[in-house]
Amino acid sequence: MDWVQIIQVFLLPAFGYLIFLYSRISSEISELEKELSDFKLKVAEEGKNYATNEAILRMENKIDELRSLIIEELRPKRAKK
């Protein structure tokens, strides 16, 4: 078997198969990238429904102020002399 036959029988089909695999893998990767971008958009849209850290801290401060006010009002007032 000379070199031309080796190239025709083994190397060309192997090269063609590698090109086929590359095209198939690249199409799967592009599909996964599209799904990932769709997922990122969905997460960003759903994230609008949840409170941010600043809003949570603001609510905690309001609750603390309200609790302090209630405690102050419930304390027995000292009799004035």
PDB file of N, CA and C in Angstrom:
ATOM      1  N   MET A   1       0.841  -1.161   0.000  1.00  0.00           N
ATOM      2  CA  MET A   1       0.000   0.000   0.000  1.00  0.00           C
ATOM      3  C   MET A   1       0.897   1.239   0.000  1.00  0.00           C
ATOM      4  N   ASP A   2       0.683   2.067  -0.959  1.00  0.00           N
ATOM      5  CA  ASP A   2       1.500   3.280  -0.974  1.00  0.00           C
ATOM      6  C   ASP A   2       0.763   4.397  -0.232  1.00  0.00           C
ATOM      7  N   TRP A   3       1.406   5.523  -0.083  1.00  0.00           N
ATOM      8  CA  TRP A   3       0.907   6.634   0.727  1.00  0.00           C
ATOM      9  C   TRP A   3      -0.410   7.220   0.220  1.00  0.00           C
ATOM     10  N   VAL A   4      -0.608   7.232  -1.033  1.00  0.00           N
ATOM     11  CA  VAL A   4      -1.837   7.791  -1.596  1.00  0.00           C
ATOM     12  C   VAL A   4      -3.033   6.950  -1.169  1.00  0.00           C
ATOM     13  N   GLN A   5      -2.884   5.644  -1.197  1.00  0.00           N
ATOM     14  CA  GLN A   5      -3.977   4.769  -0.779  1.00  0.00           C
ATOM     15  C   GLN A   5      -4.255   4.895   0.725  1.00  0.00           C
ATOM     16  N   ILE A   6      -3.203   5.044   1.519  1.00  0.00           N
ATOM     17  CA  ILE A   6      -3.379   5.220   2.969  1.00  0.00           C
ATOM     18  C   ILE A   6      -4.166   6.501   3.248  1.00  0.00           C
ATOM     19  N   ILE A   7      -3.809   7.553   2.535  1.00  0.00           N
ATOM     20  CA  ILE A   7      -4.514   8.827   2.706  1.00  0.00           C
ATOM     21  C   ILE A   7      -5.976   8.682   2.288  1.00  0.00           C
ATOM     22  N   GLN A   8      -6.236   8.025   1.156  1.00  0.00           N
ATOM     23  CA  GLN A   8      -7.593   7.876   0.657  1.00  0.00           C
ATOM     24  C   GLN A   8      -8.440   6.969   1.547  1.00  0.00           C
ATOM     25  N   VAL A   9      -7.855   5.919   2.079  1.00  0.00           N
ATOM     26  CA  VAL A   9      -8.627   4.929   2.839  1.00  0.00           C
ATOM     27  C   VAL A   9      -8.809   5.343   4.298  1.00  0.00           C
ATOM     28  N   PHE A  10      -7.778   5.894   4.931  1.00  0.00           N
ATOM     29  CA  PHE A  10      -7.846   6.163   6.366  1.00  0.00           C
ATOM     30  C   PHE A  10      -7.972   7.642   6.715  1.00  0.00           C
ATOM     31  N   LEU A  11      -7.132   8.448   6.145  1.00  0.00           N
ATOM     32  CA  LEU A  11      -7.056   9.835   6.587  1.00  0.00           C
ATOM     33  C   LEU A  11      -8.230  10.693   6.105  1.00  0.00           C
ATOM     34  N   LEU A  12      -8.660  10.557   4.880  1.00  0.00           N
ATOM     35  CA  LEU A  12      -9.784  11.350   4.386  1.00  0.00           C
ATOM     36  C   LEU A  12     -11.089  11.042   5.124  1.00  0.00           C
ATOM     37  N   PRO A  13     -11.450   9.760   5.330  1.00  0.00           N
ATOM     38  CA  PRO A  13     -12.663   9.489   6.115  1.00  0.00           C
ATOM     39  C   PRO A  13     -12.545   9.985   7.565  1.00  0.00           C
ATOM     40  N   ALA A  14     -11.364   9.836   8.163  1.00  0.00           N
ATOM     41  CA  ALA A  14     -11.173  10.319   9.529  1.00  0.00           C
ATOM     42  C   ALA A  14     -11.310  11.835   9.580  1.00  0.00           C
ATOM     43  N   PHE A  15     -10.753  12.530   8.619  1.00  0.00           N
ATOM     44  CA  PHE A  15     -10.855  13.980   8.550  1.00  0.00           C
ATOM     45  C   PHE A  15     -12.308  14.411   8.337  1.00  0.00           C
ATOM     46  N   GLY A  16     -13.018  13.731   7.476  1.00  0.00           N
ATOM     47  CA  GLY A  16     -14.436  14.024   7.243  1.00  0.00           C
ATOM     48  C   GLY A  16     -15.260  13.797   8.502  1.00  0.00           C
ATOM     49  N   TYR A  17     -14.959  12.727   9.231  1.00  0.00           N
ATOM     50  CA  TYR A  17     -15.680  12.439  10.464  1.00  0.00           C
ATOM     51  C   TYR A  17     -15.406  13.516  11.513  1.00  0.00           C
ATOM     52  N   LEU A  18     -14.169  13.990  11.594  1.00  0.00           N
ATOM     53  CA  LEU A  18     -13.834  15.060  12.531  1.00  0.00           C
ATOM     54  C   LEU A  18     -14.575  16.346  12.200  1.00  0.00           C
ATOM     55  N   ILE A  19     -14.707  16.649  10.925  1.00  0.00           N
ATOM     56  CA  ILE A  19     -15.457  17.838  10.514  1.00  0.00           C
ATOM     57  C   ILE A  19     -16.934  17.677  10.884  1.00  0.00           C
ATOM     58  N   PHE A  20     -17.470  16.477  10.671  1.00  0.00           N
ATOM     59  CA  PHE A  20     -18.858  16.210  11.052  1.00  0.00           C
ATOM     60  C   PHE A  20     -19.055  16.387  12.554  1.00  0.00           C
ATOM     61  N   LEU A  21     -18.148  15.845  13.371  1.00  0.00           N
ATOM     62  CA  LEU A  21     -18.250  15.988  14.820  1.00  0.00           C
ATOM     63  C   LEU A  21     -18.150  17.448  15.247  1.00  0.00           C
ATOM     64  N   TYR A  22     -17.251  18.197  14.621  1.00  0.00           N
ATOM     65  CA  TYR A  22     -17.075  19.610  14.957  1.00  0.00           C
ATOM     66  C   TYR A  22     -18.360  20.396  14.674  1.00  0.00           C
ATOM     67  N   SER A  23     -18.978  20.134  13.527  1.00  0.00           N
ATOM     68  CA  SER A  23     -20.203  20.865  13.195  1.00  0.00           C
ATOM     69  C   SER A  23     -21.330  20.493  14.149  1.00  0.00           C
ATOM     70  N   ARG A  24     -21.411  19.247  14.527  1.00  0.00           N
ATOM     71  CA  ARG A  24     -22.456  18.808  15.443  1.00  0.00           C
ATOM     72  C   ARG A  24     -22.245  19.399  16.838  1.00  0.00           C
ATOM     73  N   ILE A  25     -21.002  19.397  17.298  1.00  0.00           N
ATOM     74  CA  ILE A  25     -20.705  19.947  18.619  1.00  0.00           C
ATOM     75  C   ILE A  25     -20.942  21.458  18.632  1.00  0.00           C
ATOM     76  N   SER A  26     -20.548  22.141  17.564  1.00  0.00           N
ATOM     77  CA  SER A  26     -20.744  23.594  17.535  1.00  0.00           C
ATOM     78  C   SER A  26     -22.234  23.956  17.518  1.00  0.00           C
ATOM     79  N   SER A  27     -23.057  23.157  16.847  1.00  0.00           N
ATOM     80  CA  SER A  27     -24.494  23.432  16.866  1.00  0.00           C
ATOM     81  C   SER A  27     -25.074  23.187  18.254  1.00  0.00           C
ATOM     82  N   GLU A  28     -24.610  22.160  18.955  1.00  0.00           N
ATOM     83  CA  GLU A  28     -25.076  21.903  20.315  1.00  0.00           C
ATOM     84  C   GLU A  28     -24.636  23.013  21.264  1.00  0.00           C
ATOM     85  N   ILE A  29     -23.423  23.508  21.070  1.00  0.00           N
ATOM     86  CA  ILE A  29     -22.929  24.595  21.917  1.00  0.00           C
ATOM     87  C   ILE A  29     -23.746  25.863  21.684  1.00  0.00           C
ATOM     88  N   SER A  30     -24.051  26.167  20.432  1.00  0.00           N
ATOM     89  CA  SER A  30     -24.852  27.363  20.166  1.00  0.00           C
ATOM     90  C   SER A  30     -26.253  27.225  20.748  1.00  0.00           C
ATOM     91  N   GLU A  31     -26.812  26.024  20.724  1.00  0.00           N
ATOM     92  CA  GLU A  31     -28.124  25.789  21.322  1.00  0.00           C
ATOM     93  C   GLU A  31     -28.065  25.977  22.837  1.00  0.00           C
ATOM     94  N   LEU A  32     -27.002  25.474  23.473  1.00  0.00           N
ATOM     95  CA  LEU A  32     -26.840  25.642  24.912  1.00  0.00           C
ATOM     96  C   LEU A  32     -26.645  27.114  25.281  1.00  0.00           C
ATOM     97  N   GLU A  33     -25.914  27.845  24.451  1.00  0.00           N
ATOM     98  CA  GLU A  33     -25.730  29.273  24.705  1.00  0.00           C
ATOM     99  C   GLU A  33     -27.064  30.009  24.630  1.00  0.00           C
ATOM    100  N   LYS A  34     -27.905  29.630  23.681  1.00  0.00           N
ATOM    101  CA  LYS A  34     -29.226  30.249  23.550  1.00  0.00           C
ATOM    102  C   LYS A  34     -30.080  29.936  24.780  1.00  0.00           C
ATOM    103  N   GLU A  35     -30.061  28.679  25.221  1.00  0.00           N
ATOM    104  CA  GLU A  35     -30.817  28.302  26.409  1.00  0.00           C
ATOM    105  C   GLU A  35     -30.315  29.051  27.639  1.00  0.00           C
ATOM    106  N   LEU A  36     -29.004  29.226  27.744  1.00  0.00           N
ATOM    107  CA  LEU A  36     -28.433  29.947  28.880  1.00  0.00           C
ATOM    108  C   LEU A  36     -28.858  31.405  28.873  1.00  0.00           C
ATOM    109  N   SER A  37     -28.852  32.029  27.710  1.00  0.00           N
ATOM    110  CA  SER A  37     -29.272  33.430  27.640  1.00  0.00           C
ATOM    111  C   SER A  37     -30.760  33.565  27.959  1.00  0.00           C
ATOM    112  N   ASP A  38     -31.572  32.617  27.509  1.00  0.00           N
ATOM    113  CA  ASP A  38     -33.001  32.637  27.848  1.00  0.00           C
ATOM    114  C   ASP A  38     -33.202  32.471  29.356  1.00  0.00           C
ATOM    115  N   PHE A  39     -32.409  31.579  29.951  1.00  0.00           N
ATOM    116  CA  PHE A  39     -32.494  31.361  31.396  1.00  0.00           C
ATOM    117  C   PHE A  39     -32.080  32.611  32.162  1.00  0.00           C
ATOM    118  N   LYS A  40     -31.036  33.288  31.701  1.00  0.00           N
ATOM    119  CA  LYS A  40     -30.600  34.520  32.359  1.00  0.00           C
ATOM    120  C   LYS A  40     -31.689  35.583  32.295  1.00  0.00           C
ATOM    121  N   LEU A  41     -32.356  35.696  31.159  1.00  0.00           N
ATOM    122  CA  LEU A  41     -33.449  36.657  31.042  1.00  0.00           C
ATOM    123  C   LEU A  41     -34.596  36.308  31.976  1.00  0.00           C
ATOM    124  N   LYS A  42     -34.924  35.035  32.056  1.00  0.00           N
ATOM    125  CA  LYS A  42     -36.008  34.589  32.930  1.00  0.00           C
ATOM    126  C   LYS A  42     -35.683  34.876  34.391  1.00  0.00           C
ATOM    127  N   VAL A  43     -34.457  34.611  34.797  1.00  0.00           N
ATOM    128  CA  VAL A  43     -34.043  34.862  36.178  1.00  0.00           C
ATOM    129  C   VAL A  43     -34.070  36.357  36.476  1.00  0.00           C
ATOM    130  N   ALA A  44     -33.627  37.167  35.518  1.00  0.00           N
ATOM    131  CA  ALA A  44     -33.647  38.621  35.719  1.00  0.00           C
ATOM    132  C   ALA A  44     -35.081  39.134  35.854  1.00  0.00           C
ATOM    133  N   GLU A  45     -35.993  38.595  35.066  1.00  0.00           N
ATOM    134  CA  GLU A  45     -37.385  39.017  35.159  1.00  0.00           C
ATOM    135  C   GLU A  45     -38.012  38.575  36.478  1.00  0.00           C
ATOM    136  N   GLU A  46     -37.692  37.374  36.937  1.00  0.00           N
ATOM    137  CA  GLU A  46     -38.239  36.888  38.199  1.00  0.00           C
ATOM    138  C   GLU A  46     -37.603  37.602  39.383  1.00  0.00           C
ATOM    139  N   GLY A  47     -36.379  38.073  39.214  1.00  0.00           N
ATOM    140  CA  GLY A  47     -35.692  38.768  40.291  1.00  0.00           C
ATOM    141  C   GLY A  47     -36.340  40.084  40.654  1.00  0.00           C
ATOM    142  N   LYS A  48     -37.116  40.647  39.750  1.00  0.00           N
ATOM    143  CA  LYS A  48     -37.801  41.901  40.031  1.00  0.00           C
ATOM    144  C   LYS A  48     -38.879  41.718  41.089  1.00  0.00           C
ATOM    145  N   ASN A  49     -39.352  40.496  41.264  1.00  0.00           N
ATOM    146  CA  ASN A  49     -40.437  40.225  42.206  1.00  0.00           C
ATOM    147  C   ASN A  49     -39.950  40.101  43.645  1.00  0.00           C
ATOM    148  N   TYR A  50     -38.655  40.033  43.853  1.00  0.00           N
ATOM    149  CA  TYR A  50     -38.121  39.819  45.186  1.00  0.00           C
ATOM    150  C   TYR A  50     -37.535  41.111  45.733  1.00  0.00           C
ATOM    151  N   ALA A  51     -37.511  41.212  47.056  1.00  0.00           N
ATOM    152  CA  ALA A  51     -37.002  42.410  47.712  1.00  0.00           C
ATOM    153  C   ALA A  51     -35.474  42.442  47.631  1.00  0.00           C
ATOM    154  N   THR A  52     -34.949  43.642  47.522  1.00  0.00           N
ATOM    155  CA  THR A  52     -33.499  43.811  47.520  1.00  0.00           C
ATOM    156  C   THR A  52     -32.999  43.875  48.955  1.00  0.00           C
ATOM    157  N   ASN A  53     -31.690  43.810  49.126  1.00  0.00           N
ATOM    158  CA  ASN A  53     -31.114  43.889  50.471  1.00  0.00           C
ATOM    159  C   ASN A  53     -31.434  45.224  51.129  1.00  0.00           C
ATOM    160  N   GLU A  54     -31.430  46.293  50.344  1.00  0.00           N
ATOM    161  CA  GLU A  54     -31.736  47.606  50.905  1.00  0.00           C
ATOM    162  C   GLU A  54     -33.171  47.657  51.424  1.00  0.00           C
ATOM    163  N   ALA A  55     -34.102  47.085  50.680  1.00  0.00           N
ATOM    164  CA  ALA A  55     -35.493  47.079  51.119  1.00  0.00           C
ATOM    165  C   ALA A  55     -35.658  46.250  52.392  1.00  0.00           C
ATOM    166  N   ILE A  56     -34.948  45.149  52.481  1.00  0.00           N
ATOM    167  CA  ILE A  56     -35.021  44.300  53.674  1.00  0.00           C
ATOM    168  C   ILE A  56     -34.457  45.045  54.876  1.00  0.00           C
ATOM    169  N   LEU A  57     -33.324  45.722  54.715  1.00  0.00           N
ATOM    170  CA  LEU A  57     -32.740  46.489  55.814  1.00  0.00           C
ATOM    171  C   LEU A  57     -33.670  47.622  56.243  1.00  0.00           C
ATOM    172  N   ARG A  58     -34.293  48.267  55.292  1.00  0.00           N
ATOM    173  CA  ARG A  58     -35.235  49.349  55.601  1.00  0.00           C
ATOM    174  C   ARG A  58     -36.397  48.816  56.431  1.00  0.00           C
ATOM    175  N   MET A  59     -36.941  47.671  56.031  1.00  0.00           N
ATOM    176  CA  MET A  59     -38.043  47.067  56.782  1.00  0.00           C
ATOM    177  C   MET A  59     -37.594  46.656  58.184  1.00  0.00           C
ATOM    178  N   GLU A  60     -36.388  46.110  58.316  1.00  0.00           N
ATOM    179  CA  GLU A  60     -35.881  45.729  59.634  1.00  0.00           C
ATOM    180  C   GLU A  60     -35.761  46.952  60.534  1.00  0.00           C
ATOM    181  N   ASN A  61     -35.269  48.050  59.978  1.00  0.00           N
ATOM    182  CA  ASN A  61     -35.150  49.284  60.769  1.00  0.00           C
ATOM    183  C   ASN A  61     -36.515  49.789  61.201  1.00  0.00           C
ATOM    184  N   LYS A  62     -37.483  49.736  60.307  1.00  0.00           N
ATOM    185  CA  LYS A  62     -38.842  50.180  60.655  1.00  0.00           C
ATOM    186  C   LYS A  62     -39.432  49.303  61.761  1.00  0.00           C
ATOM    187  N   ILE A  63     -39.205  48.019  61.685  1.00  0.00           N
ATOM    188  CA  ILE A  63     -39.716  47.101  62.705  1.00  0.00           C
ATOM    189  C   ILE A  63     -39.051  47.382  64.045  1.00  0.00           C
ATOM    190  N   ASP A  64     -37.741  47.613  64.027  1.00  0.00           N
ATOM    191  CA  ASP A  64     -37.027  47.939  65.268  1.00  0.00           C
ATOM    192  C   ASP A  64     -37.548  49.235  65.876  1.00  0.00           C
ATOM    193  N   GLU A  65     -37.784  50.243  65.046  1.00  0.00           N
ATOM    194  CA  GLU A  65     -38.316  51.513  65.547  1.00  0.00           C
ATOM    195  C   GLU A  65     -39.713  51.313  66.136  1.00  0.00           C
ATOM    196  N   LEU A  66     -40.538  50.532  65.483  1.00  0.00           N
ATOM    197  CA  LEU A  66     -41.888  50.265  65.971  1.00  0.00           C
ATOM    198  C   LEU A  66     -41.846  49.508  67.292  1.00  0.00           C
ATOM    199  N   ARG A  67     -40.970  48.541  67.396  1.00  0.00           N
ATOM    200  CA  ARG A  67     -40.830  47.781  68.640  1.00  0.00           C
ATOM    201  C   ARG A  67     -40.384  48.688  69.781  1.00  0.00           C
ATOM    202  N   SER A  68     -39.427  49.568  69.508  1.00  0.00           N
ATOM    203  CA  SER A  68     -38.966  50.511  70.530  1.00  0.00           C
ATOM    204  C   SER A  68     -40.091  51.434  70.965  1.00  0.00           C
ATOM    205  N   LEU A  69     -40.884  51.895  70.019  1.00  0.00           N
ATOM    206  CA  LEU A  69     -42.001  52.773  70.337  1.00  0.00           C
ATOM    207  C   LEU A  69     -43.038  52.055  71.195  1.00  0.00           C
ATOM    208  N   ILE A  70     -43.342  50.819  70.874  1.00  0.00           N
ATOM    209  CA  ILE A  70     -44.312  50.043  71.651  1.00  0.00           C
ATOM    210  C   ILE A  70     -43.805  49.808  73.060  1.00  0.00           C
ATOM    211  N   ILE A  71     -42.535  49.461  73.186  1.00  0.00           N
ATOM    212  CA  ILE A  71     -41.956  49.228  74.515  1.00  0.00           C
ATOM    213  C   ILE A  71     -42.012  50.520  75.325  1.00  0.00           C
ATOM    214  N   GLU A  72     -41.692  51.630  74.711  1.00  0.00           N
ATOM    215  CA  GLU A  72     -41.716  52.918  75.400  1.00  0.00           C
ATOM    216  C   GLU A  72     -43.131  53.267  75.871  1.00  0.00           C
ATOM    217  N   GLU A  73     -44.125  52.983  75.053  1.00  0.00           N
ATOM    218  CA  GLU A  73     -45.510  53.297  75.413  1.00  0.00           C
ATOM    219  C   GLU A  73     -46.043  52.368  76.495  1.00  0.00           C
ATOM    220  N   LEU A  74     -45.586  51.143  76.542  1.00  0.00           N
ATOM    221  CA  LEU A  74     -46.088  50.190  77.528  1.00  0.00           C
ATOM    222  C   LEU A  74     -45.402  50.316  78.879  1.00  0.00           C
ATOM    223  N   ARG A  75     -44.275  50.971  78.939  1.00  0.00           N
ATOM    224  CA  ARG A  75     -43.579  51.157  80.210  1.00  0.00           C
ATOM    225  C   ARG A  75     -44.449  52.007  81.135  1.00  0.00           C
ATOM    226  N   PRO A  76     -44.497  51.619  82.391  1.00  0.00           N
ATOM    227  CA  PRO A  76     -45.272  52.465  83.329  1.00  0.00           C
ATOM    228  C   PRO A  76     -44.595  53.825  83.482  1.00  0.00           C
ATOM    229  N   LYS A  77     -45.391  54.826  83.405  1.00  0.00           N
ATOM    230  CA  LYS A  77     -44.847  56.176  83.521  1.00  0.00           C
ATOM    231  C   LYS A  77     -44.649  56.498  84.994  1.00  0.00           C
ATOM    232  N   ARG A  78     -43.559  57.129  85.298  1.00  0.00           N
ATOM    233  CA  ARG A  78     -43.262  57.502  86.683  1.00  0.00           C
ATOM    234  C   ARG A  78     -44.181  58.653  87.112  1.00  0.00           C
ATOM    235  N   ALA A  79     -44.575  58.568  88.327  1.00  0.00           N
ATOM    236  CA  ALA A  79     -45.440  59.614  88.869  1.00  0.00           C
ATOM    237  C   ALA A  79     -44.659  60.898  89.024  1.00  0.00           C
ATOM    238  N   LYS A  80     -45.275  61.979  88.632  1.00  0.00           N
ATOM    239  CA  LYS A  80     -44.619  63.280  88.735  1.00  0.00           C
ATOM    240  C   LYS A  80     -44.778  63.795  90.141  1.00  0.00           C
ATOM    241  N   LYS A  81     -43.747  64.396  90.673  1.00  0.00           N
ATOM    242  CA  LYS A  81     -43.795  64.944  92.019  1.00  0.00           C
ATOM    243  C   LYS A  81     -44.098  66.390  92.015  1.00  0.00           C
TER     244      LYS A  81
END
